[in-house]
Structure formats: C-alpha cells, structure tokens
Amino acid sequence: MLWVQLDPRAHPDHLGFIPSFLSEHDLRRAREQFDANYTHGGGWDTFKGFKLLPNGSIVYPGDPPLPPLFKSQLRDETITVYAHAWVMITQADGTWEIARLD
C-alpha cells in the first residue's frame, strides 16, 4: 500500500505500525484487518464523538482540530491517519469511523 503524506509537518513516525496491520492481499475490509491484526491494543474499537470538517480535519468537542497526516487506499476504502494515532476508515459512500491505534 502506498501512504501519501498530506501535511508537510507529518513524519513517518506518525504512522508507527499502522501500515503493518493492513494487507492488499487480505480480502477482508480494513476494519476487520485492523481488528484482527492490532491485537496488542485490543483491536478496532470505534470511538464516537468526532466531527469531520470539510478540509478533512477531525475535531472532538473541546479539543483543537487534527489535520490529516497520511492517507492510503485499500480497494474502495480510504484510510486516513491523524496525530495521536487516530485512524479513520472512509467507505466509498462517504460514511466513516474512527479508532485509536496507539
């Protein structure tokens, strides 16, 4: 998978082990792969309350917005990585979910 840097302040360390949890050769959806392969952290656990801003940033009430740092594509899903190991999976229909994979 190709990871595209979206923010000039982003560093590969922001990705950590996140890319290793996904494989294009695995036919499962991103959520299922994260859930199965991120076992040390407890799998994929959707976190509610974020809002997605038009510029792609996410914001949680009371916190400053987080701009997207890296993005990749897994078939028809877009995986976006933000600071603090927040990861968003966006479906082709525009629906999305976020979890922390730290």
PDB file of N, CA and C in Angstrom:
ATOM      1  N   MET A   1       0.840  -1.181   0.000  1.00  0.00           N
ATOM      2  CA  MET A   1       0.000   0.000   0.000  1.00  0.00           C
ATOM      3  C   MET A   1       0.882   1.240   0.000  1.00  0.00           C
ATOM      4  N   LEU A   2       0.451   2.227  -0.711  1.00  0.00           N
ATOM      5  CA  LEU A   2       1.159   3.492  -0.795  1.00  0.00           C
ATOM      6  C   LEU A   2       0.532   4.477   0.195  1.00  0.00           C
ATOM      7  N   TRP A   3       1.358   5.060   1.048  1.00  0.00           N
ATOM      8  CA  TRP A   3       0.899   6.065   2.011  1.00  0.00           C
ATOM      9  C   TRP A   3       1.327   7.435   1.522  1.00  0.00           C
ATOM     10  N   VAL A   4       0.385   8.330   1.369  1.00  0.00           N
ATOM     11  CA  VAL A   4       0.628   9.670   0.859  1.00  0.00           C
ATOM     12  C   VAL A   4       0.662  10.647   2.030  1.00  0.00           C
ATOM     13  N   GLN A   5       1.739  11.421   2.108  1.00  0.00           N
ATOM     14  CA  GLN A   5       1.862  12.437   3.147  1.00  0.00           C
ATOM     15  C   GLN A   5       1.008  13.633   2.759  1.00  0.00           C
ATOM     16  N   LEU A   6       0.105  14.048   3.650  1.00  0.00           N
ATOM     17  CA  LEU A   6      -0.821  15.151   3.381  1.00  0.00           C
ATOM     18  C   LEU A   6      -0.418  16.452   4.045  1.00  0.00           C
ATOM     19  N   ASP A   7       0.362  16.372   5.100  1.00  0.00           N
ATOM     20  CA  ASP A   7       0.748  17.546   5.876  1.00  0.00           C
ATOM     21  C   ASP A   7       2.274  17.612   5.878  1.00  0.00           C
ATOM     22  N   PRO A   8       2.862  18.752   5.529  1.00  0.00           N
ATOM     23  CA  PRO A   8       4.324  18.836   5.492  1.00  0.00           C
ATOM     24  C   PRO A   8       4.980  18.628   6.857  1.00  0.00           C
ATOM     25  N   ARG A   9       4.218  18.784   7.923  1.00  0.00           N
ATOM     26  CA  ARG A   9       4.755  18.559   9.274  1.00  0.00           C
ATOM     27  C   ARG A   9       4.708  17.081   9.670  1.00  0.00           C
ATOM     28  N   ALA A  10       4.056  16.265   8.856  1.00  0.00           N
ATOM     29  CA  ALA A  10       3.929  14.832   9.172  1.00  0.00           C
ATOM     30  C   ALA A  10       5.284  14.144   9.025  1.00  0.00           C
ATOM     31  N   HIS A  11       5.477  13.137   9.828  1.00  0.00           N
ATOM     32  CA  HIS A  11       6.710  12.347   9.808  1.00  0.00           C
ATOM     33  C   HIS A  11       6.299  10.876   9.747  1.00  0.00           C
ATOM     34  N   PRO A  12       7.082  10.031   9.103  1.00  0.00           N
ATOM     35  CA  PRO A  12       6.732   8.600   9.055  1.00  0.00           C
ATOM     36  C   PRO A  12       6.469   7.984  10.424  1.00  0.00           C
ATOM     37  N   ASP A  13       7.062   8.550  11.473  1.00  0.00           N
ATOM     38  CA  ASP A  13       6.795   8.035  12.826  1.00  0.00           C
ATOM     39  C   ASP A  13       5.331   8.153  13.205  1.00  0.00           C
ATOM     40  N   HIS A  14       4.604   9.094  12.588  1.00  0.00           N
ATOM     41  CA  HIS A  14       3.168   9.219  12.863  1.00  0.00           C
ATOM     42  C   HIS A  14       2.413   7.958  12.452  1.00  0.00           C
ATOM     43  N   LEU A  15       2.952   7.244  11.478  1.00  0.00           N
ATOM     44  CA  LEU A  15       2.300   6.005  11.030  1.00  0.00           C
ATOM     45  C   LEU A  15       2.559   4.849  11.977  1.00  0.00           C
ATOM     46  N   GLY A  16       3.711   4.846  12.630  1.00  0.00           N
ATOM     47  CA  GLY A  16       4.042   3.751  13.532  1.00  0.00           C
ATOM     48  C   GLY A  16       3.885   2.400  12.850  1.00  0.00           C
ATOM     49  N   PHE A  17       3.210   1.493  13.530  1.00  0.00           N
ATOM     50  CA  PHE A  17       2.973   0.147  12.996  1.00  0.00           C
ATOM     51  C   PHE A  17       1.683   0.050  12.182  1.00  0.00           C
ATOM     52  N   ILE A  18       0.936   1.143  12.076  1.00  0.00           N
ATOM     53  CA  ILE A  18      -0.381   1.119  11.432  1.00  0.00           C
ATOM     54  C   ILE A  18      -0.337   0.457  10.051  1.00  0.00           C
ATOM     55  N   PRO A  19       0.618   0.792   9.169  1.00  0.00           N
ATOM     56  CA  PRO A  19       0.628   0.129   7.854  1.00  0.00           C
ATOM     57  C   PRO A  19       0.788  -1.386   7.923  1.00  0.00           C
ATOM     58  N   SER A  20       1.444  -1.875   8.962  1.00  0.00           N
ATOM     59  CA  SER A  20       1.663  -3.329   9.064  1.00  0.00           C
ATOM     60  C   SER A  20       0.391  -4.099   9.412  1.00  0.00           C
ATOM     61  N   PHE A  21      -0.648  -3.410   9.813  1.00  0.00           N
ATOM     62  CA  PHE A  21      -1.903  -4.073  10.168  1.00  0.00           C
ATOM     63  C   PHE A  21      -2.796  -4.326   8.955  1.00  0.00           C
ATOM     64  N   LEU A  22      -2.409  -3.802   7.789  1.00  0.00           N
ATOM     65  CA  LEU A  22      -3.218  -3.938   6.582  1.00  0.00           C
ATOM     66  C   LEU A  22      -2.440  -4.625   5.479  1.00  0.00           C
ATOM     67  N   SER A  23      -3.142  -5.401   4.675  1.00  0.00           N
ATOM     68  CA  SER A  23      -2.525  -6.043   3.513  1.00  0.00           C
ATOM     69  C   SER A  23      -3.507  -6.041   2.353  1.00  0.00           C
ATOM     70  N   GLU A  24      -3.014  -5.638   1.186  1.00  0.00           N
ATOM     71  CA  GLU A  24      -3.846  -5.686  -0.016  1.00  0.00           C
ATOM     72  C   GLU A  24      -4.168  -7.129  -0.408  1.00  0.00           C
ATOM     73  N   HIS A  25      -3.372  -8.068   0.056  1.00  0.00           N
ATOM     74  CA  HIS A  25      -3.579  -9.484  -0.266  1.00  0.00           C
ATOM     75  C   HIS A  25      -4.658 -10.126   0.609  1.00  0.00           C
ATOM     76  N   ASP A  26      -5.005  -9.467   1.680  1.00  0.00           N
ATOM     77  CA  ASP A  26      -6.062  -9.915   2.586  1.00  0.00           C
ATOM     78  C   ASP A  26      -7.372  -9.325   2.062  1.00  0.00           C
ATOM     79  N   LEU A  27      -8.343 -10.152   1.752  1.00  0.00           N
ATOM     80  CA  LEU A  27      -9.585  -9.683   1.140  1.00  0.00           C
ATOM     81  C   LEU A  27     -10.571  -9.057   2.123  1.00  0.00           C
ATOM     82  N   ARG A  28     -10.262  -9.127   3.416  1.00  0.00           N
ATOM     83  CA  ARG A  28     -11.154  -8.525   4.410  1.00  0.00           C
ATOM     84  C   ARG A  28     -11.107  -7.000   4.337  1.00  0.00           C
ATOM     85  N   ARG A  29     -12.173  -6.383   4.828  1.00  0.00           N
ATOM     86  CA  ARG A  29     -12.253  -4.929   4.908  1.00  0.00           C
ATOM     87  C   ARG A  29     -11.191  -4.424   5.895  1.00  0.00           C
ATOM     88  N   ALA A  30     -10.869  -3.134   5.810  1.00  0.00           N
ATOM     89  CA  ALA A  30      -9.853  -2.538   6.684  1.00  0.00           C
ATOM     90  C   ALA A  30     -10.204  -2.724   8.159  1.00  0.00           C
ATOM     91  N   ARG A  31     -11.456  -2.510   8.507  1.00  0.00           N
ATOM     92  CA  ARG A  31     -11.869  -2.640   9.907  1.00  0.00           C
ATOM     93  C   ARG A  31     -11.578  -4.048  10.432  1.00  0.00           C
ATOM     94  N   GLU A  32     -11.887  -5.048   9.636  1.00  0.00           N
ATOM     95  CA  GLU A  32     -11.655  -6.435  10.049  1.00  0.00           C
ATOM     96  C   GLU A  32     -10.163  -6.726  10.178  1.00  0.00           C
ATOM     97  N   GLN A  33      -9.369  -6.205   9.247  1.00  0.00           N
ATOM     98  CA  GLN A  33      -7.923  -6.424   9.324  1.00  0.00           C
ATOM     99  C   GLN A  33      -7.334  -5.734  10.555  1.00  0.00           C
ATOM    100  N   PHE A  34      -7.718  -4.482  10.792  1.00  0.00           N
ATOM    101  CA  PHE A  34      -7.246  -3.788  11.993  1.00  0.00           C
ATOM    102  C   PHE A  34      -7.653  -4.548  13.248  1.00  0.00           C
ATOM    103  N   ASP A  35      -8.889  -5.010  13.281  1.00  0.00           N
ATOM    104  CA  ASP A  35      -9.389  -5.718  14.455  1.00  0.00           C
ATOM    105  C   ASP A  35      -8.596  -6.993  14.721  1.00  0.00           C
ATOM    106  N   ALA A  36      -8.265  -7.708  13.665  1.00  0.00           N
ATOM    107  CA  ALA A  36      -7.532  -8.973  13.811  1.00  0.00           C
ATOM    108  C   ALA A  36      -6.040  -8.768  14.058  1.00  0.00           C
ATOM    109  N   ASN A  37      -5.461  -7.734  13.461  1.00  0.00           N
ATOM    110  CA  ASN A  37      -4.005  -7.580  13.491  1.00  0.00           C
ATOM    111  C   ASN A  37      -3.493  -6.617  14.547  1.00  0.00           C
ATOM    112  N   TYR A  38      -4.355  -5.813  15.110  1.00  0.00           N
ATOM    113  CA  TYR A  38      -3.965  -4.898  16.175  1.00  0.00           C
ATOM    114  C   TYR A  38      -4.386  -5.502  17.515  1.00  0.00           C
ATOM    115  N   THR A  39      -3.941  -6.691  17.771  1.00  0.00           N
ATOM    116  CA  THR A  39      -4.368  -7.412  18.971  1.00  0.00           C
ATOM    117  C   THR A  39      -3.737  -6.858  20.242  1.00  0.00           C
ATOM    118  N   HIS A  40      -2.515  -6.327  20.151  1.00  0.00           N
ATOM    119  CA  HIS A  40      -1.856  -5.774  21.342  1.00  0.00           C
ATOM    120  C   HIS A  40      -2.689  -4.635  21.928  1.00  0.00           C
ATOM    121  N   GLY A  41      -3.299  -3.858  21.058  1.00  0.00           N
ATOM    122  CA  GLY A  41      -4.091  -2.717  21.513  1.00  0.00           C
ATOM    123  C   GLY A  41      -5.566  -3.017  21.688  1.00  0.00           C
ATOM    124  N   GLY A  42      -5.983  -4.246  21.454  1.00  0.00           N
ATOM    125  CA  GLY A  42      -7.376  -4.617  21.669  1.00  0.00           C
ATOM    126  C   GLY A  42      -8.241  -4.604  20.429  1.00  0.00           C
ATOM    127  N   GLY A  43      -7.623  -4.465  19.257  1.00  0.00           N
ATOM    128  CA  GLY A  43      -8.401  -4.487  18.025  1.00  0.00           C
ATOM    129  C   GLY A  43      -8.983  -3.128  17.688  1.00  0.00           C
ATOM    130  N   TRP A  44      -9.846  -3.123  16.699  1.00  0.00           N
ATOM    131  CA  TRP A  44     -10.506  -1.889  16.265  1.00  0.00           C
ATOM    132  C   TRP A  44     -11.664  -1.608  17.200  1.00  0.00           C
ATOM    133  N   ASP A  45     -11.671  -0.462  17.836  1.00  0.00           N
ATOM    134  CA  ASP A  45     -12.732  -0.075  18.764  1.00  0.00           C
ATOM    135  C   ASP A  45     -13.204   1.324  18.360  1.00  0.00           C
ATOM    136  N   THR A  46     -14.304   1.390  17.632  1.00  0.00           N
ATOM    137  CA  THR A  46     -14.804   2.668  17.123  1.00  0.00           C
ATOM    138  C   THR A  46     -15.009   3.661  18.264  1.00  0.00           C
ATOM    139  N   PHE A  47     -14.541   4.888  18.040  1.00  0.00           N
ATOM    140  CA  PHE A  47     -14.650   5.961  19.026  1.00  0.00           C
ATOM    141  C   PHE A  47     -15.637   6.986  18.498  1.00  0.00           C
ATOM    142  N   LYS A  48     -16.670   7.257  19.236  1.00  0.00           N
ATOM    143  CA  LYS A  48     -17.732   8.181  18.820  1.00  0.00           C
ATOM    144  C   LYS A  48     -17.445   9.606  19.293  1.00  0.00           C
ATOM    145  N   GLY A  49     -18.009  10.574  18.604  1.00  0.00           N
ATOM    146  CA  GLY A  49     -17.962  11.962  19.045  1.00  0.00           C
ATOM    147  C   GLY A  49     -17.186  12.899  18.148  1.00  0.00           C
ATOM    148  N   PHE A  50     -16.350  12.361  17.256  1.00  0.00           N
ATOM    149  CA  PHE A  50     -15.604  13.226  16.334  1.00  0.00           C
ATOM    150  C   PHE A  50     -16.532  13.798  15.279  1.00  0.00           C
ATOM    151  N   LYS A  51     -16.176  14.988  14.790  1.00  0.00           N
ATOM    152  CA  LYS A  51     -16.826  15.572  13.621  1.00  0.00           C
ATOM    153  C   LYS A  51     -15.764  15.696  12.545  1.00  0.00           C
ATOM    154  N   LEU A  52     -16.172  15.462  11.312  1.00  0.00           N
ATOM    155  CA  LEU A  52     -15.281  15.586  10.165  1.00  0.00           C
ATOM    156  C   LEU A  52     -15.516  16.950   9.528  1.00  0.00           C
ATOM    157  N   LEU A  53     -14.473  17.745   9.431  1.00  0.00           N
ATOM    158  CA  LEU A  53     -14.568  19.072   8.837  1.00  0.00           C
ATOM    159  C   LEU A  53     -14.372  18.984   7.318  1.00  0.00           C
ATOM    160  N   PRO A  54     -14.851  19.982   6.572  1.00  0.00           N
ATOM    161  CA  PRO A  54     -14.732  19.943   5.111  1.00  0.00           C
ATOM    162  C   PRO A  54     -13.293  19.814   4.595  1.00  0.00           C
ATOM    163  N   ASN A  55     -12.315  20.287   5.359  1.00  0.00           N
ATOM    164  CA  ASN A  55     -10.919  20.196   4.924  1.00  0.00           C
ATOM    165  C   ASN A  55     -10.260  18.860   5.269  1.00  0.00           C
ATOM    166  N   GLY A  56     -11.044  17.919   5.807  1.00  0.00           N
ATOM    167  CA  GLY A  56     -10.515  16.602   6.156  1.00  0.00           C
ATOM    168  C   GLY A  56     -10.024  16.487   7.578  1.00  0.00           C
ATOM    169  N   SER A  57      -9.975  17.599   8.302  1.00  0.00           N
ATOM    170  CA  SER A  57      -9.582  17.555   9.709  1.00  0.00           C
ATOM    171  C   SER A  57     -10.703  16.921  10.525  1.00  0.00           C
ATOM    172  N   ILE A  58     -10.334  16.370  11.669  1.00  0.00           N
ATOM    173  CA  ILE A  58     -11.324  15.858  12.613  1.00  0.00           C
ATOM    174  C   ILE A  58     -11.237  16.704  13.879  1.00  0.00           C
ATOM    175  N   VAL A  59     -12.365  16.833  14.551  1.00  0.00           N
ATOM    176  CA  VAL A  59     -12.382  17.610  15.791  1.00  0.00           C
ATOM    177  C   VAL A  59     -13.289  16.911  16.795  1.00  0.00           C
ATOM    178  N   TYR A  60     -12.802  16.857  18.030  1.00  0.00           N
ATOM    179  CA  TYR A  60     -13.566  16.311  19.145  1.00  0.00           C
ATOM    180  C   TYR A  60     -13.933  17.485  20.037  1.00  0.00           C
ATOM    181  N   PRO A  61     -15.149  17.518  20.578  1.00  0.00           N
ATOM    182  CA  PRO A  61     -15.562  18.664  21.393  1.00  0.00           C
ATOM    183  C   PRO A  61     -14.535  19.002  22.482  1.00  0.00           C
ATOM    184  N   GLY A  62     -14.123  20.278  22.500  1.00  0.00           N
ATOM    185  CA  GLY A  62     -13.176  20.750  23.494  1.00  0.00           C
ATOM    186  C   GLY A  62     -11.720  20.629  23.084  1.00  0.00           C
ATOM    187  N   ASP A  63     -11.436  19.934  21.982  1.00  0.00           N
ATOM    188  CA  ASP A  63     -10.069  19.762  21.500  1.00  0.00           C
ATOM    189  C   ASP A  63      -9.869  20.543  20.210  1.00  0.00           C
ATOM    190  N   PRO A  64      -8.618  20.889  19.898  1.00  0.00           N
ATOM    191  CA  PRO A  64      -8.365  21.563  18.622  1.00  0.00           C
ATOM    192  C   PRO A  64      -8.508  20.571  17.464  1.00  0.00           C
ATOM    193  N   PRO A  65      -8.794  21.057  16.267  1.00  0.00           N
ATOM    194  CA  PRO A  65      -8.894  20.167  15.100  1.00  0.00           C
ATOM    195  C   PRO A  65      -7.562  19.478  14.821  1.00  0.00           C
ATOM    196  N   LEU A  66      -7.645  18.250  14.326  1.00  0.00           N
ATOM    197  CA  LEU A  66      -6.464  17.497  13.901  1.00  0.00           C
ATOM    198  C   LEU A  66      -6.493  17.370  12.388  1.00  0.00           C
ATOM    199  N   PRO A  67      -5.483  17.913  11.698  1.00  0.00           N
ATOM    200  CA  PRO A  67      -5.453  17.775  10.239  1.00  0.00           C
ATOM    201  C   PRO A  67      -5.005  16.368   9.852  1.00  0.00           C
ATOM    202  N   PRO A  68      -5.407  15.904   8.684  1.00  0.00           N
ATOM    203  CA  PRO A  68      -4.956  14.586   8.228  1.00  0.00           C
ATOM    204  C   PRO A  68      -3.457  14.631   7.932  1.00  0.00           C
ATOM    205  N   LEU A  69      -2.750  13.558   8.324  1.00  0.00           N
ATOM    206  CA  LEU A  69      -1.306  13.490   8.123  1.00  0.00           C
ATOM    207  C   LEU A  69      -0.931  12.599   6.942  1.00  0.00           C
ATOM    208  N   PHE A  70      -1.550  11.419   6.887  1.00  0.00           N
ATOM    209  CA  PHE A  70      -1.273  10.450   5.827  1.00  0.00           C
ATOM    210  C   PHE A  70      -2.576   9.822   5.370  1.00  0.00           C
ATOM    211  N   LYS A  71      -2.571   9.373   4.119  1.00  0.00           N
ATOM    212  CA  LYS A  71      -3.753   8.716   3.563  1.00  0.00           C
ATOM    213  C   LYS A  71      -3.294   7.567   2.683  1.00  0.00           C
ATOM    214  N   SER A  72      -4.103   6.496   2.665  1.00  0.00           N
ATOM    215  CA  SER A  72      -3.853   5.356   1.795  1.00  0.00           C
ATOM    216  C   SER A  72      -5.187   4.785   1.338  1.00  0.00           C
ATOM    217  N   GLN A  73      -5.121   3.955   0.335  1.00  0.00           N
ATOM    218  CA  GLN A  73      -6.321   3.351  -0.238  1.00  0.00           C
ATOM    219  C   GLN A  73      -6.220   1.839  -0.093  1.00  0.00           C
ATOM    220  N   LEU A  74      -7.275   1.210   0.388  1.00  0.00           N
ATOM    221  CA  LEU A  74      -7.394  -0.248   0.413  1.00  0.00           C
ATOM    222  C   LEU A  74      -8.671  -0.582  -0.347  1.00  0.00           C
ATOM    223  N   ARG A  75      -8.479  -0.940  -1.602  1.00  0.00           N
ATOM    224  CA  ARG A  75      -9.599  -1.137  -2.523  1.00  0.00           C
ATOM    225  C   ARG A  75     -10.512   0.089  -2.509  1.00  0.00           C
ATOM    226  N   ASP A  76     -11.764  -0.032  -2.077  1.00  0.00           N
ATOM    227  CA  ASP A  76     -12.677   1.118  -2.113  1.00  0.00           C
ATOM    228  C   ASP A  76     -12.751   1.876  -0.781  1.00  0.00           C
ATOM    229  N   GLU A  77     -11.842   1.591   0.126  1.00  0.00           N
ATOM    230  CA  GLU A  77     -11.810   2.272   1.422  1.00  0.00           C
ATOM    231  C   GLU A  77     -10.597   3.203   1.482  1.00  0.00           C
ATOM    232  N   THR A  78     -10.782   4.349   2.113  1.00  0.00           N
ATOM    233  CA  THR A  78      -9.683   5.277   2.331  1.00  0.00           C
ATOM    234  C   THR A  78      -9.313   5.244   3.802  1.00  0.00           C
ATOM    235  N   ILE A  79      -8.023   5.080   4.072  1.00  0.00           N
ATOM    236  CA  ILE A  79      -7.514   5.056   5.438  1.00  0.00           C
ATOM    237  C   ILE A  79      -6.761   6.362   5.655  1.00  0.00           C
ATOM    238  N   THR A  80      -7.152   7.130   6.681  1.00  0.00           N
ATOM    239  CA  THR A  80      -6.517   8.399   6.990  1.00  0.00           C
ATOM    240  C   THR A  80      -5.958   8.330   8.403  1.00  0.00           C
ATOM    241  N   VAL A  81      -4.706   8.770   8.549  1.00  0.00           N
ATOM    242  CA  VAL A  81      -4.036   8.763   9.848  1.00  0.00           C
ATOM    243  C   VAL A  81      -3.855  10.206  10.304  1.00  0.00           C
ATOM    244  N   TYR A  82      -4.175  10.419  11.577  1.00  0.00           N
ATOM    245  CA  TYR A  82      -4.062  11.728  12.223  1.00  0.00           C
ATOM    246  C   TYR A  82      -3.077  11.619  13.381  1.00  0.00           C
ATOM    247  N   ALA A  83      -2.702  12.756  13.949  1.00  0.00           N
ATOM    248  CA  ALA A  83      -1.847  12.759  15.134  1.00  0.00           C
ATOM    249  C   ALA A  83      -2.495  11.923  16.244  1.00  0.00           C
ATOM    250  N   HIS A  84      -1.651  11.466  17.139  1.00  0.00           N
ATOM    251  CA  HIS A  84      -2.086  10.702  18.318  1.00  0.00           C
ATOM    252  C   HIS A  84      -2.678   9.343  17.939  1.00  0.00           C
ATOM    253  N   ALA A  85      -2.302   8.847  16.743  1.00  0.00           N
ATOM    254  CA  ALA A  85      -2.694   7.514  16.271  1.00  0.00           C
ATOM    255  C   ALA A  85      -4.201   7.362  16.047  1.00  0.00           C
ATOM    256  N   TRP A  86      -4.889   8.455  15.768  1.00  0.00           N
ATOM    257  CA  TRP A  86      -6.292   8.355  15.366  1.00  0.00           C
ATOM    258  C   TRP A  86      -6.323   7.926  13.907  1.00  0.00           C
ATOM    259  N   VAL A  87      -7.140   6.948  13.614  1.00  0.00           N
ATOM    260  CA  VAL A  87      -7.235   6.392  12.264  1.00  0.00           C
ATOM    261  C   VAL A  87      -8.697   6.393  11.837  1.00  0.00           C
ATOM    262  N   MET A  88      -8.936   6.903  10.637  1.00  0.00           N
ATOM    263  CA  MET A  88     -10.294   6.942  10.096  1.00  0.00           C
ATOM    264  C   MET A  88     -10.360   6.038   8.867  1.00  0.00           C
ATOM    265  N   ILE A  89     -11.412   5.249   8.800  1.00  0.00           N
ATOM    266  CA  ILE A  89     -11.721   4.453   7.610  1.00  0.00           C
ATOM    267  C   ILE A  89     -12.947   5.086   6.969  1.00  0.00           C
ATOM    268  N   THR A  90     -12.805   5.479   5.708  1.00  0.00           N
ATOM    269  CA  THR A  90     -13.909   6.091   4.975  1.00  0.00           C
ATOM    270  C   THR A  90     -14.344   5.145   3.868  1.00  0.00           C
ATOM    271  N   GLN A  91     -15.632   4.861   3.822  1.00  0.00           N
ATOM    272  CA  GLN A  91     -16.195   3.983   2.803  1.00  0.00           C
ATOM    273  C   GLN A  91     -16.486   4.776   1.531  1.00  0.00           C
ATOM    274  N   ALA A  92     -16.696   4.079   0.444  1.00  0.00           N
ATOM    275  CA  ALA A  92     -16.981   4.712  -0.848  1.00  0.00           C
ATOM    276  C   ALA A  92     -18.227   5.597  -0.784  1.00  0.00           C
ATOM    277  N   ASP A  93     -19.175   5.264   0.091  1.00  0.00           N
ATOM    278  CA  ASP A  93     -20.405   6.060   0.199  1.00  0.00           C
ATOM    279  C   ASP A  93     -20.245   7.292   1.100  1.00  0.00           C
ATOM    280  N   GLY A  94     -19.032   7.515   1.624  1.00  0.00           N
ATOM    281  CA  GLY A  94     -18.762   8.676   2.457  1.00  0.00           C
ATOM    282  C   GLY A  94     -18.904   8.442   3.950  1.00  0.00           C
ATOM    283  N   THR A  95     -19.445   7.310   4.363  1.00  0.00           N
ATOM    284  CA  THR A  95     -19.532   7.023   5.796  1.00  0.00           C
ATOM    285  C   THR A  95     -18.133   6.722   6.326  1.00  0.00           C
ATOM    286  N   TRP A  96     -17.932   6.982   7.597  1.00  0.00           N
ATOM    287  CA  TRP A  96     -16.612   6.797   8.181  1.00  0.00           C
ATOM    288  C   TRP A  96     -16.721   6.422   9.658  1.00  0.00           C
ATOM    289  N   GLU A  97     -15.612   5.874  10.149  1.00  0.00           N
ATOM    290  CA  GLU A  97     -15.491   5.584  11.576  1.00  0.00           C
ATOM    291  C   GLU A  97     -14.039   5.781  11.985  1.00  0.00           C
ATOM    292  N   ILE A  98     -13.842   6.085  13.249  1.00  0.00           N
ATOM    293  CA  ILE A  98     -12.511   6.406  13.790  1.00  0.00           C
ATOM    294  C   ILE A  98     -12.220   5.524  14.989  1.00  0.00           C
ATOM    295  N   ALA A  99     -10.943   5.131  15.099  1.00  0.00           N
ATOM    296  CA  ALA A  99     -10.457   4.422  16.280  1.00  0.00           C
ATOM    297  C   ALA A  99      -9.037   4.899  16.555  1.00  0.00           C
ATOM    298  N   ARG A 100      -8.572   4.661  17.758  1.00  0.00           N
ATOM    299  CA  ARG A 100      -7.189   4.997  18.111  1.00  0.00           C
ATOM    300  C   ARG A 100      -6.383   3.720  18.100  1.00  0.00           C
ATOM    301  N   LEU A 101      -5.312   3.722  17.326  1.00  0.00           N
ATOM    302  CA  LEU A 101      -4.443   2.557  17.218  1.00  0.00           C
ATOM    303  C   LEU A 101      -3.052   2.938  17.694  1.00  0.00           C
ATOM    304  N   ASP A 102      -2.912   3.106  19.002  1.00  0.00           N
ATOM    305  CA  ASP A 102      -1.620   3.546  19.527  1.00  0.00           C
ATOM    306  C   ASP A 102      -0.839   2.434  20.157  1.00  0.00           C
TER     307      ASP A 102
END
